[in-house]
Amino acid sequence: MLELPNRLSQSRYADAIAACNECANACDFCSAACLREPDPRHMAKCIAVDMDCAAVCRLAAAAMARDSAHLAYVCELCARICDSCAEECASHEAQHCQDCAWACRRCAQICRDLFP
């Protein structure tokens, strides 16, 4: 099998890309777990913001990987949506929501730190 060099680990954005991907995964897990709640209707806002956050985190990771000219704007958007998701998830007691809130706060901070 052909082995490709791992240039991503050499990227100056490697930690931020990893944080964005981890956050997106946490949001996906959280939204799926919310849907399995006995009455998921009360989790509708959480599910919606999880989906938005996961999508924007993946966009931010992709923008970093290609060093987009719009990266500062994408990272600002990512941080804002991560903040919103963290706030919503933190308002729920479920462990998957608490874990998601933590991942979102971490991702938001790392994205902000890229462009102080």
PDB file of N, CA and C in Angstrom:
ATOM      1  N   MET A   1       0.833  -1.173   0.000  1.00  0.00           N
ATOM      2  CA  MET A   1       0.000   0.000   0.000  1.00  0.00           C
ATOM      3  C   MET A   1       0.886   1.247   0.000  1.00  0.00           C
ATOM      4  N   LEU A   2       0.497   2.231  -0.770  1.00  0.00           N
ATOM      5  CA  LEU A   2       1.229   3.482  -0.876  1.00  0.00           C
ATOM      6  C   LEU A   2       1.040   4.288   0.405  1.00  0.00           C
ATOM      7  N   GLU A   3       2.137   4.734   0.974  1.00  0.00           N
ATOM      8  CA  GLU A   3       2.054   5.531   2.188  1.00  0.00           C
ATOM      9  C   GLU A   3       2.347   6.987   1.864  1.00  0.00           C
ATOM     10  N   LEU A   4       1.451   7.868   2.287  1.00  0.00           N
ATOM     11  CA  LEU A   4       1.606   9.295   2.040  1.00  0.00           C
ATOM     12  C   LEU A   4       2.266   9.951   3.235  1.00  0.00           C
ATOM     13  N   PRO A   5       3.082  10.958   2.984  1.00  0.00           N
ATOM     14  CA  PRO A   5       3.698  11.667   4.113  1.00  0.00           C
ATOM     15  C   PRO A   5       2.621  12.411   4.899  1.00  0.00           C
ATOM     16  N   ASN A   6       2.794  12.498   6.207  1.00  0.00           N
ATOM     17  CA  ASN A   6       1.825  13.179   7.054  1.00  0.00           C
ATOM     18  C   ASN A   6       2.229  14.642   7.186  1.00  0.00           C
ATOM     19  N   ARG A   7       1.842  15.427   6.230  1.00  0.00           N
ATOM     20  CA  ARG A   7       2.179  16.852   6.244  1.00  0.00           C
ATOM     21  C   ARG A   7       1.261  17.639   7.164  1.00  0.00           C
ATOM     22  N   LEU A   8       0.094  17.072   7.471  1.00  0.00           N
ATOM     23  CA  LEU A   8      -0.836  17.766   8.355  1.00  0.00           C
ATOM     24  C   LEU A   8      -0.216  18.001   9.726  1.00  0.00           C
ATOM     25  N   SER A   9       0.547  17.034  10.214  1.00  0.00           N
ATOM     26  CA  SER A   9       1.168  17.203  11.524  1.00  0.00           C
ATOM     27  C   SER A   9       2.219  18.310  11.504  1.00  0.00           C
ATOM     28  N   GLN A  10       2.687  18.679  10.307  1.00  0.00           N
ATOM     29  CA  GLN A  10       3.668  19.743  10.179  1.00  0.00           C
ATOM     30  C   GLN A  10       3.012  21.113  10.020  1.00  0.00           C
ATOM     31  N   SER A  11       1.702  21.138   9.833  1.00  0.00           N
ATOM     32  CA  SER A  11       0.987  22.386   9.637  1.00  0.00           C
ATOM     33  C   SER A  11       0.993  23.222  10.909  1.00  0.00           C
ATOM     34  N   ARG A  12       1.103  24.533  10.742  1.00  0.00           N
ATOM     35  CA  ARG A  12       1.036  25.411  11.917  1.00  0.00           C
ATOM     36  C   ARG A  12      -0.350  25.400  12.535  1.00  0.00           C
ATOM     37  N   TYR A  13      -1.310  24.861  11.807  1.00  0.00           N
ATOM     38  CA  TYR A  13      -2.689  24.781  12.292  1.00  0.00           C
ATOM     39  C   TYR A  13      -3.057  23.382  12.803  1.00  0.00           C
ATOM     40  N   ALA A  14      -2.088  22.499  12.929  1.00  0.00           N
ATOM     41  CA  ALA A  14      -2.380  21.100  13.265  1.00  0.00           C
ATOM     42  C   ALA A  14      -3.226  20.962  14.529  1.00  0.00           C
ATOM     43  N   ASP A  15      -2.871  21.674  15.587  1.00  0.00           N
ATOM     44  CA  ASP A  15      -3.635  21.572  16.838  1.00  0.00           C
ATOM     45  C   ASP A  15      -5.046  22.115  16.668  1.00  0.00           C
ATOM     46  N   ALA A  16      -5.186  23.200  15.936  1.00  0.00           N
ATOM     47  CA  ALA A  16      -6.507  23.791  15.718  1.00  0.00           C
ATOM     48  C   ALA A  16      -7.366  22.900  14.828  1.00  0.00           C
ATOM     49  N   ILE A  17      -6.770  22.312  13.823  1.00  0.00           N
ATOM     50  CA  ILE A  17      -7.504  21.380  12.957  1.00  0.00           C
ATOM     51  C   ILE A  17      -8.009  20.202  13.797  1.00  0.00           C
ATOM     52  N   ALA A  18      -7.136  19.676  14.648  1.00  0.00           N
ATOM     53  CA  ALA A  18      -7.536  18.552  15.512  1.00  0.00           C
ATOM     54  C   ALA A  18      -8.663  18.977  16.453  1.00  0.00           C
ATOM     55  N   ALA A  19      -8.569  20.177  17.032  1.00  0.00           N
ATOM     56  CA  ALA A  19      -9.624  20.653  17.946  1.00  0.00           C
ATOM     57  C   ALA A  19     -10.946  20.819  17.216  1.00  0.00           C
ATOM     58  N   CYS A  20     -10.905  21.345  15.997  1.00  0.00           N
ATOM     59  CA  CYS A  20     -12.134  21.511  15.219  1.00  0.00           C
ATOM     60  C   CYS A  20     -12.757  20.162  14.869  1.00  0.00           C
ATOM     61  N   ASN A  21     -11.924  19.213  14.471  1.00  0.00           N
ATOM     62  CA  ASN A  21     -12.453  17.886  14.144  1.00  0.00           C
ATOM     63  C   ASN A  21     -12.998  17.180  15.379  1.00  0.00           C
ATOM     64  N   GLU A  22     -12.320  17.320  16.514  1.00  0.00           N
ATOM     65  CA  GLU A  22     -12.810  16.725  17.760  1.00  0.00           C
ATOM     66  C   GLU A  22     -14.126  17.360  18.181  1.00  0.00           C
ATOM     67  N   CYS A  23     -14.244  18.662  18.018  1.00  0.00           N
ATOM     68  CA  CYS A  23     -15.480  19.353  18.361  1.00  0.00           C
ATOM     69  C   CYS A  23     -16.620  18.893  17.448  1.00  0.00           C
ATOM     70  N   ALA A  24     -16.348  18.813  16.160  1.00  0.00           N
ATOM     71  CA  ALA A  24     -17.373  18.350  15.216  1.00  0.00           C
ATOM     72  C   ALA A  24     -17.851  16.949  15.586  1.00  0.00           C
ATOM     73  N   ASN A  25     -16.920  16.087  15.949  1.00  0.00           N
ATOM     74  CA  ASN A  25     -17.303  14.723  16.344  1.00  0.00           C
ATOM     75  C   ASN A  25     -18.125  14.724  17.625  1.00  0.00           C
ATOM     76  N   ALA A  26     -17.738  15.572  18.585  1.00  0.00           N
ATOM     77  CA  ALA A  26     -18.499  15.668  19.842  1.00  0.00           C
ATOM     78  C   ALA A  26     -19.911  16.177  19.569  1.00  0.00           C
ATOM     79  N   CYS A  27     -20.032  17.140  18.665  1.00  0.00           N
ATOM     80  CA  CYS A  27     -21.352  17.668  18.303  1.00  0.00           C
ATOM     81  C   CYS A  27     -22.207  16.609  17.610  1.00  0.00           C
ATOM     82  N   ASP A  28     -21.601  15.848  16.719  1.00  0.00           N
ATOM     83  CA  ASP A  28     -22.337  14.764  16.057  1.00  0.00           C
ATOM     84  C   ASP A  28     -22.815  13.732  17.071  1.00  0.00           C
ATOM     85  N   PHE A  29     -21.941  13.355  17.997  1.00  0.00           N
ATOM     86  CA  PHE A  29     -22.304  12.386  19.021  1.00  0.00           C
ATOM     87  C   PHE A  29     -23.422  12.934  19.899  1.00  0.00           C
ATOM     88  N   CYS A  30     -23.298  14.204  20.288  1.00  0.00           N
ATOM     89  CA  CYS A  30     -24.294  14.833  21.151  1.00  0.00           C
ATOM     90  C   CYS A  30     -25.658  14.876  20.465  1.00  0.00           C
ATOM     91  N   SER A  31     -25.700  15.305  19.229  1.00  0.00           N
ATOM     92  CA  SER A  31     -26.985  15.400  18.531  1.00  0.00           C
ATOM     93  C   SER A  31     -27.630  14.023  18.372  1.00  0.00           C
ATOM     94  N   ALA A  32     -26.826  13.018  18.081  1.00  0.00           N
ATOM     95  CA  ALA A  32     -27.368  11.658  17.957  1.00  0.00           C
ATOM     96  C   ALA A  32     -27.883  11.149  19.306  1.00  0.00           C
ATOM     97  N   ALA A  33     -27.144  11.432  20.380  1.00  0.00           N
ATOM     98  CA  ALA A  33     -27.575  11.021  21.715  1.00  0.00           C
ATOM     99  C   ALA A  33     -28.849  11.762  22.123  1.00  0.00           C
ATOM    100  N   CYS A  34     -28.939  13.037  21.770  1.00  0.00           N
ATOM    101  CA  CYS A  34     -30.158  13.807  22.073  1.00  0.00           C
ATOM    102  C   CYS A  34     -31.375  13.194  21.380  1.00  0.00           C
ATOM    103  N   LEU A  35     -31.170  12.722  20.170  1.00  0.00           N
ATOM    104  CA  LEU A  35     -32.277  12.098  19.433  1.00  0.00           C
ATOM    105  C   LEU A  35     -32.740  10.792  20.080  1.00  0.00           C
ATOM    106  N   ARG A  36     -31.866  10.170  20.862  1.00  0.00           N
ATOM    107  CA  ARG A  36     -32.226   8.919  21.541  1.00  0.00           C
ATOM    108  C   ARG A  36     -32.878   9.159  22.906  1.00  0.00           C
ATOM    109  N   GLU A  37     -32.993  10.427  23.315  1.00  0.00           N
ATOM    110  CA  GLU A  37     -33.652  10.748  24.577  1.00  0.00           C
ATOM    111  C   GLU A  37     -35.112  10.294  24.498  1.00  0.00           C
ATOM    112  N   PRO A  38     -35.729   9.980  25.646  1.00  0.00           N
ATOM    113  CA  PRO A  38     -37.131   9.542  25.639  1.00  0.00           C
ATOM    114  C   PRO A  38     -38.068  10.538  24.944  1.00  0.00           C
ATOM    115  N   ASP A  39     -37.831  11.830  25.131  1.00  0.00           N
ATOM    116  CA  ASP A  39     -38.629  12.852  24.456  1.00  0.00           C
ATOM    117  C   ASP A  39     -37.663  13.875  23.838  1.00  0.00           C
ATOM    118  N   PRO A  40     -37.188  13.603  22.624  1.00  0.00           N
ATOM    119  CA  PRO A  40     -36.166  14.473  22.026  1.00  0.00           C
ATOM    120  C   PRO A  40     -36.667  15.869  21.648  1.00  0.00           C
ATOM    121  N   ARG A  41     -37.983  16.101  21.717  1.00  0.00           N
ATOM    122  CA  ARG A  41     -38.490  17.428  21.348  1.00  0.00           C
ATOM    123  C   ARG A  41     -37.894  18.524  22.213  1.00  0.00           C
ATOM    124  N   HIS A  42     -37.675  18.241  23.494  1.00  0.00           N
ATOM    125  CA  HIS A  42     -37.102  19.269  24.371  1.00  0.00           C
ATOM    126  C   HIS A  42     -35.614  19.502  24.098  1.00  0.00           C
ATOM    127  N   MET A  43     -35.028  18.679  23.235  1.00  0.00           N
ATOM    128  CA  MET A  43     -33.615  18.824  22.870  1.00  0.00           C
ATOM    129  C   MET A  43     -33.448  19.407  21.458  1.00  0.00           C
ATOM    130  N   ALA A  44     -34.537  19.906  20.874  1.00  0.00           N
ATOM    131  CA  ALA A  44     -34.497  20.371  19.481  1.00  0.00           C
ATOM    132  C   ALA A  44     -33.453  21.465  19.269  1.00  0.00           C
ATOM    133  N   LYS A  45     -33.384  22.438  20.180  1.00  0.00           N
ATOM    134  CA  LYS A  45     -32.406  23.527  20.020  1.00  0.00           C
ATOM    135  C   LYS A  45     -30.985  22.992  20.124  1.00  0.00           C
ATOM    136  N   CYS A  46     -30.762  22.075  21.052  1.00  0.00           N
ATOM    137  CA  CYS A  46     -29.444  21.477  21.220  1.00  0.00           C
ATOM    138  C   CYS A  46     -29.028  20.731  19.947  1.00  0.00           C
ATOM    139  N   ILE A  47     -29.936  19.961  19.414  1.00  0.00           N
ATOM    140  CA  ILE A  47     -29.653  19.191  18.199  1.00  0.00           C
ATOM    141  C   ILE A  47     -29.320  20.131  17.044  1.00  0.00           C
ATOM    142  N   ALA A  48     -30.114  21.186  16.885  1.00  0.00           N
ATOM    143  CA  ALA A  48     -29.896  22.128  15.779  1.00  0.00           C
ATOM    144  C   ALA A  48     -28.551  22.831  15.896  1.00  0.00           C
ATOM    145  N   VAL A  49     -28.225  23.316  17.095  1.00  0.00           N
ATOM    146  CA  VAL A  49     -26.949  24.031  17.254  1.00  0.00           C
ATOM    147  C   VAL A  49     -25.770  23.065  17.146  1.00  0.00           C
ATOM    148  N   ASP A  50     -25.951  21.821  17.591  1.00  0.00           N
ATOM    149  CA  ASP A  50     -24.910  20.801  17.392  1.00  0.00           C
ATOM    150  C   ASP A  50     -24.612  20.618  15.909  1.00  0.00           C
ATOM    151  N   MET A  51     -25.659  20.544  15.105  1.00  0.00           N
ATOM    152  CA  MET A  51     -25.481  20.335  13.667  1.00  0.00           C
ATOM    153  C   MET A  51     -24.772  21.527  13.020  1.00  0.00           C
ATOM    154  N   ASP A  52     -25.178  22.745  13.412  1.00  0.00           N
ATOM    155  CA  ASP A  52     -24.512  23.940  12.885  1.00  0.00           C
ATOM    156  C   ASP A  52     -23.041  23.958  13.278  1.00  0.00           C
ATOM    157  N   CYS A  53     -22.784  23.667  14.540  1.00  0.00           N
ATOM    158  CA  CYS A  53     -21.414  23.718  15.050  1.00  0.00           C
ATOM    159  C   CYS A  53     -20.527  22.683  14.350  1.00  0.00           C
ATOM    160  N   ALA A  54     -21.025  21.476  14.199  1.00  0.00           N
ATOM    161  CA  ALA A  54     -20.244  20.434  13.526  1.00  0.00           C
ATOM    162  C   ALA A  54     -19.891  20.852  12.103  1.00  0.00           C
ATOM    163  N   ALA A  55     -20.848  21.429  11.396  1.00  0.00           N
ATOM    164  CA  ALA A  55     -20.609  21.843  10.012  1.00  0.00           C
ATOM    165  C   ALA A  55     -19.566  22.957   9.939  1.00  0.00           C
ATOM    166  N   VAL A  56     -19.677  23.948  10.825  1.00  0.00           N
ATOM    167  CA  VAL A  56     -18.730  25.070  10.793  1.00  0.00           C
ATOM    168  C   VAL A  56     -17.341  24.630  11.241  1.00  0.00           C
ATOM    169  N   CYS A  57     -17.273  23.733  12.218  1.00  0.00           N
ATOM    170  CA  CYS A  57     -15.966  23.224  12.642  1.00  0.00           C
ATOM    171  C   CYS A  57     -15.270  22.487  11.500  1.00  0.00           C
ATOM    172  N   ARG A  58     -16.014  21.720  10.735  1.00  0.00           N
ATOM    173  CA  ARG A  58     -15.421  21.012   9.601  1.00  0.00           C
ATOM    174  C   ARG A  58     -14.977  22.005   8.517  1.00  0.00           C
ATOM    175  N   LEU A  59     -15.774  23.044   8.305  1.00  0.00           N
ATOM    176  CA  LEU A  59     -15.382  24.098   7.366  1.00  0.00           C
ATOM    177  C   LEU A  59     -14.089  24.763   7.831  1.00  0.00           C
ATOM    178  N   ALA A  60     -14.004  25.083   9.116  1.00  0.00           N
ATOM    179  CA  ALA A  60     -12.802  25.728   9.648  1.00  0.00           C
ATOM    180  C   ALA A  60     -11.580  24.821   9.498  1.00  0.00           C
ATOM    181  N   ALA A  61     -11.736  23.543   9.797  1.00  0.00           N
ATOM    182  CA  ALA A  61     -10.612  22.609   9.650  1.00  0.00           C
ATOM    183  C   ALA A  61     -10.149  22.542   8.195  1.00  0.00           C
ATOM    184  N   ALA A  62     -11.087  22.524   7.273  1.00  0.00           N
ATOM    185  CA  ALA A  62     -10.734  22.481   5.853  1.00  0.00           C
ATOM    186  C   ALA A  62     -10.060  23.786   5.425  1.00  0.00           C
ATOM    187  N   ALA A  63     -10.562  24.917   5.911  1.00  0.00           N
ATOM    188  CA  ALA A  63      -9.961  26.216   5.568  1.00  0.00           C
ATOM    189  C   ALA A  63      -8.530  26.296   6.089  1.00  0.00           C
ATOM    190  N   MET A  64      -8.298  25.749   7.290  1.00  0.00           N
ATOM    191  CA  MET A  64      -6.942  25.731   7.837  1.00  0.00           C
ATOM    192  C   MET A  64      -6.041  24.832   7.016  1.00  0.00           C
ATOM    193  N   ALA A  65      -6.539  23.682   6.621  1.00  0.00           N
ATOM    194  CA  ALA A  65      -5.727  22.732   5.867  1.00  0.00           C
ATOM    195  C   ALA A  65      -5.249  23.327   4.547  1.00  0.00           C
ATOM    196  N   ARG A  66      -6.062  24.201   3.975  1.00  0.00           N
ATOM    197  CA  ARG A  66      -5.652  24.812   2.698  1.00  0.00           C
ATOM    198  C   ARG A  66      -5.156  26.240   2.873  1.00  0.00           C
ATOM    199  N   ASP A  67      -5.017  26.700   4.125  1.00  0.00           N
ATOM    200  CA  ASP A  67      -4.542  28.050   4.440  1.00  0.00           C
ATOM    201  C   ASP A  67      -5.324  29.092   3.649  1.00  0.00           C
ATOM    202  N   SER A  68      -6.637  29.025   3.776  1.00  0.00           N
ATOM    203  CA  SER A  68      -7.550  29.905   3.050  1.00  0.00           C
ATOM    204  C   SER A  68      -7.272  31.373   3.336  1.00  0.00           C
ATOM    205  N   ALA A  69      -7.470  32.192   2.330  1.00  0.00           N
ATOM    206  CA  ALA A  69      -7.335  33.638   2.491  1.00  0.00           C
ATOM    207  C   ALA A  69      -8.407  34.190   3.427  1.00  0.00           C
ATOM    208  N   HIS A  70      -9.467  33.444   3.647  1.00  0.00           N
ATOM    209  CA  HIS A  70     -10.587  33.869   4.500  1.00  0.00           C
ATOM    210  C   HIS A  70     -10.545  33.210   5.871  1.00  0.00           C
ATOM    211  N   LEU A  71      -9.413  32.653   6.215  1.00  0.00           N
ATOM    212  CA  LEU A  71      -9.306  31.855   7.435  1.00  0.00           C
ATOM    213  C   LEU A  71      -9.664  32.631   8.700  1.00  0.00           C
ATOM    214  N   ALA A  72      -9.240  33.863   8.826  1.00  0.00           N
ATOM    215  CA  ALA A  72      -9.540  34.634  10.039  1.00  0.00           C
ATOM    216  C   ALA A  72     -11.050  34.776  10.220  1.00  0.00           C
ATOM    217  N   TYR A  73     -11.765  35.024   9.137  1.00  0.00           N
ATOM    218  CA  TYR A  73     -13.222  35.158   9.214  1.00  0.00           C
ATOM    219  C   TYR A  73     -13.883  33.826   9.564  1.00  0.00           C
ATOM    220  N   VAL A  74     -13.397  32.766   8.957  1.00  0.00           N
ATOM    221  CA  VAL A  74     -13.958  31.434   9.219  1.00  0.00           C
ATOM    222  C   VAL A  74     -13.708  31.052  10.678  1.00  0.00           C
ATOM    223  N   CYS A  75     -12.519  31.336  11.179  1.00  0.00           N
ATOM    224  CA  CYS A  75     -12.213  31.006  12.576  1.00  0.00           C
ATOM    225  C   CYS A  75     -13.040  31.839  13.549  1.00  0.00           C
ATOM    226  N   GLU A  76     -13.286  33.092  13.204  1.00  0.00           N
ATOM    227  CA  GLU A  76     -14.138  33.929  14.054  1.00  0.00           C
ATOM    228  C   GLU A  76     -15.556  33.358  14.104  1.00  0.00           C
ATOM    229  N   LEU A  77     -16.079  32.985  12.949  1.00  0.00           N
ATOM    230  CA  LEU A  77     -17.410  32.377  12.888  1.00  0.00           C
ATOM    231  C   LEU A  77     -17.444  31.074  13.682  1.00  0.00           C
ATOM    232  N   CYS A  78     -16.415  30.271  13.516  1.00  0.00           N
ATOM    233  CA  CYS A  78     -16.337  28.996  14.228  1.00  0.00           C
ATOM    234  C   CYS A  78     -16.352  29.228  15.738  1.00  0.00           C
ATOM    235  N   ALA A  79     -15.567  30.166  16.210  1.00  0.00           N
ATOM    236  CA  ALA A  79     -15.520  30.455  17.649  1.00  0.00           C
ATOM    237  C   ALA A  79     -16.874  30.916  18.161  1.00  0.00           C
ATOM    238  N   ARG A  80     -17.551  31.772  17.415  1.00  0.00           N
ATOM    239  CA  ARG A  80     -18.865  32.268  17.846  1.00  0.00           C
ATOM    240  C   ARG A  80     -19.900  31.143  17.907  1.00  0.00           C
ATOM    241  N   ILE A  81     -19.905  30.296  16.912  1.00  0.00           N
ATOM    242  CA  ILE A  81     -20.880  29.205  16.904  1.00  0.00           C
ATOM    243  C   ILE A  81     -20.527  28.167  17.966  1.00  0.00           C
ATOM    244  N   CYS A  82     -19.247  27.924  18.181  1.00  0.00           N
ATOM    245  CA  CYS A  82     -18.837  27.032  19.270  1.00  0.00           C
ATOM    246  C   CYS A  82     -19.294  27.580  20.624  1.00  0.00           C
ATOM    247  N   ASP A  83     -19.180  28.898  20.810  1.00  0.00           N
ATOM    248  CA  ASP A  83     -19.658  29.514  22.054  1.00  0.00           C
ATOM    249  C   ASP A  83     -21.155  29.279  22.237  1.00  0.00           C
ATOM    250  N   SER A  84     -21.906  29.468  21.179  1.00  0.00           N
ATOM    251  CA  SER A  84     -23.353  29.279  21.227  1.00  0.00           C
ATOM    252  C   SER A  84     -23.701  27.829  21.553  1.00  0.00           C
ATOM    253  N   CYS A  85     -22.998  26.912  20.929  1.00  0.00           N
ATOM    254  CA  CYS A  85     -23.234  25.489  21.170  1.00  0.00           C
ATOM    255  C   CYS A  85     -22.854  25.119  22.600  1.00  0.00           C
ATOM    256  N   ALA A  86     -21.738  25.645  23.068  1.00  0.00           N
ATOM    257  CA  ALA A  86     -21.306  25.355  24.442  1.00  0.00           C
ATOM    258  C   ALA A  86     -22.341  25.839  25.448  1.00  0.00           C
ATOM    259  N   GLU A  87     -22.873  27.024  25.211  1.00  0.00           N
ATOM    260  CA  GLU A  87     -23.880  27.579  26.120  1.00  0.00           C
ATOM    261  C   GLU A  87     -25.135  26.705  26.154  1.00  0.00           C
ATOM    262  N   GLU A  88     -25.591  26.301  24.975  1.00  0.00           N
ATOM    263  CA  GLU A  88     -26.794  25.454  24.917  1.00  0.00           C
ATOM    264  C   GLU A  88     -26.530  24.094  25.558  1.00  0.00           C
ATOM    265  N   CYS A  89     -25.440  23.469  25.196  1.00  0.00           N
ATOM    266  CA  CYS A  89     -25.157  22.131  25.728  1.00  0.00           C
ATOM    267  C   CYS A  89     -24.937  22.162  27.242  1.00  0.00           C
ATOM    268  N   ALA A  90     -24.290  23.205  27.729  1.00  0.00           N
ATOM    269  CA  ALA A  90     -24.036  23.301  29.169  1.00  0.00           C
ATOM    270  C   ALA A  90     -25.326  23.428  29.978  1.00  0.00           C
ATOM    271  N   SER A  91     -26.402  23.825  29.322  1.00  0.00           N
ATOM    272  CA  SER A  91     -27.679  23.977  30.030  1.00  0.00           C
ATOM    273  C   SER A  91     -28.393  22.642  30.250  1.00  0.00           C
ATOM    274  N   HIS A  92     -27.848  21.576  29.717  1.00  0.00           N
ATOM    275  CA  HIS A  92     -28.437  20.236  29.870  1.00  0.00           C
ATOM    276  C   HIS A  92     -27.539  19.380  30.762  1.00  0.00           C
ATOM    277  N   GLU A  93     -28.147  18.532  31.555  1.00  0.00           N
ATOM    278  CA  GLU A  93     -27.390  17.710  32.505  1.00  0.00           C
ATOM    279  C   GLU A  93     -26.723  16.492  31.876  1.00  0.00           C
ATOM    280  N   ALA A  94     -27.209  16.055  30.737  1.00  0.00           N
ATOM    281  CA  ALA A  94     -26.690  14.830  30.119  1.00  0.00           C
ATOM    282  C   ALA A  94     -25.175  14.923  29.922  1.00  0.00           C
ATOM    283  N   GLN A  95     -24.481  13.842  30.200  1.00  0.00           N
ATOM    284  CA  GLN A  95     -23.025  13.850  30.079  1.00  0.00           C
ATOM    285  C   GLN A  95     -22.574  14.144  28.657  1.00  0.00           C
ATOM    286  N   HIS A  96     -23.298  13.643  27.671  1.00  0.00           N
ATOM    287  CA  HIS A  96     -22.896  13.915  26.282  1.00  0.00           C
ATOM    288  C   HIS A  96     -22.993  15.400  25.978  1.00  0.00           C
ATOM    289  N   CYS A  97     -23.940  16.090  26.590  1.00  0.00           N
ATOM    290  CA  CYS A  97     -24.050  17.545  26.410  1.00  0.00           C
ATOM    291  C   CYS A  97     -22.908  18.265  27.127  1.00  0.00           C
ATOM    292  N   GLN A  98     -22.567  17.811  28.315  1.00  0.00           N
ATOM    293  CA  GLN A  98     -21.452  18.422  29.052  1.00  0.00           C
ATOM    294  C   GLN A  98     -20.128  18.206  28.311  1.00  0.00           C
ATOM    295  N   ASP A  99     -19.942  17.013  27.772  1.00  0.00           N
ATOM    296  CA  ASP A  99     -18.723  16.725  27.001  1.00  0.00           C
ATOM    297  C   ASP A  99     -18.654  17.599  25.750  1.00  0.00           C
ATOM    298  N   CYS A 100     -19.790  17.782  25.107  1.00  0.00           N
ATOM    299  CA  CYS A 100     -19.846  18.612  23.906  1.00  0.00           C
ATOM    300  C   CYS A 100     -19.535  20.063  24.263  1.00  0.00           C
ATOM    301  N   ALA A 101     -20.100  20.545  25.351  1.00  0.00           N
ATOM    302  CA  ALA A 101     -19.840  21.921  25.788  1.00  0.00           C
ATOM    303  C   ALA A 101     -18.343  22.135  26.008  1.00  0.00           C
ATOM    304  N   TRP A 102     -17.685  21.166  26.624  1.00  0.00           N
ATOM    305  CA  TRP A 102     -16.241  21.268  26.870  1.00  0.00           C
ATOM    306  C   TRP A 102     -15.469  21.344  25.549  1.00  0.00           C
ATOM    307  N   ALA A 103     -15.812  20.457  24.609  1.00  0.00           N
ATOM    308  CA  ALA A 103     -15.128  20.436  23.311  1.00  0.00           C
ATOM    309  C   ALA A 103     -15.351  21.749  22.560  1.00  0.00           C
ATOM    310  N   CYS A 104     -16.550  22.288  22.666  1.00  0.00           N
ATOM    311  CA  CYS A 104     -16.860  23.558  21.990  1.00  0.00           C
ATOM    312  C   CYS A 104     -16.078  24.720  22.599  1.00  0.00           C
ATOM    313  N   ARG A 105     -16.003  24.770  23.920  1.00  0.00           N
ATOM    314  CA  ARG A 105     -15.240  25.845  24.572  1.00  0.00           C
ATOM    315  C   ARG A 105     -13.768  25.773  24.174  1.00  0.00           C
ATOM    316  N   ARG A 106     -13.239  24.575  24.145  1.00  0.00           N
ATOM    317  CA  ARG A 106     -11.829  24.384  23.776  1.00  0.00           C
ATOM    318  C   ARG A 106     -11.583  24.821  22.337  1.00  0.00           C
ATOM    319  N   CYS A 107     -12.456  24.404  21.441  1.00  0.00           N
ATOM    320  CA  CYS A 107     -12.308  24.758  20.026  1.00  0.00           C
ATOM    321  C   CYS A 107     -12.420  26.266  19.840  1.00  0.00           C
ATOM    322  N   ALA A 108     -13.381  26.885  20.498  1.00  0.00           N
ATOM    323  CA  ALA A 108     -13.553  28.336  20.387  1.00  0.00           C
ATOM    324  C   ALA A 108     -12.287  29.061  20.825  1.00  0.00           C
ATOM    325  N   GLN A 109     -11.720  28.640  21.928  1.00  0.00           N
ATOM    326  CA  GLN A 109     -10.518  29.305  22.437  1.00  0.00           C
ATOM    327  C   GLN A 109      -9.331  29.122  21.488  1.00  0.00           C
ATOM    328  N   ILE A 110      -9.164  27.926  20.988  1.00  0.00           N
ATOM    329  CA  ILE A 110      -8.054  27.663  20.070  1.00  0.00           C
ATOM    330  C   ILE A 110      -8.225  28.473  18.780  1.00  0.00           C
ATOM    331  N   CYS A 111      -9.441  28.563  18.268  1.00  0.00           N
ATOM    332  CA  CYS A 111      -9.669  29.367  17.065  1.00  0.00           C
ATOM    333  C   CYS A 111      -9.394  30.841  17.330  1.00  0.00           C
ATOM    334  N   ARG A 112      -9.810  31.333  18.491  1.00  0.00           N
ATOM    335  CA  ARG A 112      -9.548  32.744  18.835  1.00  0.00           C
ATOM    336  C   ARG A 112      -8.050  33.010  18.981  1.00  0.00           C
ATOM    337  N   ASP A 113      -7.337  32.050  19.537  1.00  0.00           N
ATOM    338  CA  ASP A 113      -5.904  32.225  19.747  1.00  0.00           C
ATOM    339  C   ASP A 113      -5.101  32.302  18.455  1.00  0.00           C
ATOM    340  N   LEU A 114      -5.667  31.789  17.360  1.00  0.00           N
ATOM    341  CA  LEU A 114      -4.971  31.852  16.076  1.00  0.00           C
ATOM    342  C   LEU A 114      -4.875  33.287  15.549  1.00  0.00           C
ATOM    343  N   PHE A 115      -5.905  34.091  15.850  1.00  0.00           N
ATOM    344  CA  PHE A 115      -5.980  35.460  15.333  1.00  0.00           C
ATOM    345  C   PHE A 115      -6.342  36.408  16.477  1.00  0.00           C
ATOM    346  N   PRO A 116      -5.388  36.669  17.367  1.00  0.00           N
ATOM    347  CA  PRO A 116      -5.691  37.518  18.537  1.00  0.00           C
ATOM    348  C   PRO A 116      -5.997  38.963  18.169  1.00  0.00           C
TER     349      PRO A 116
END
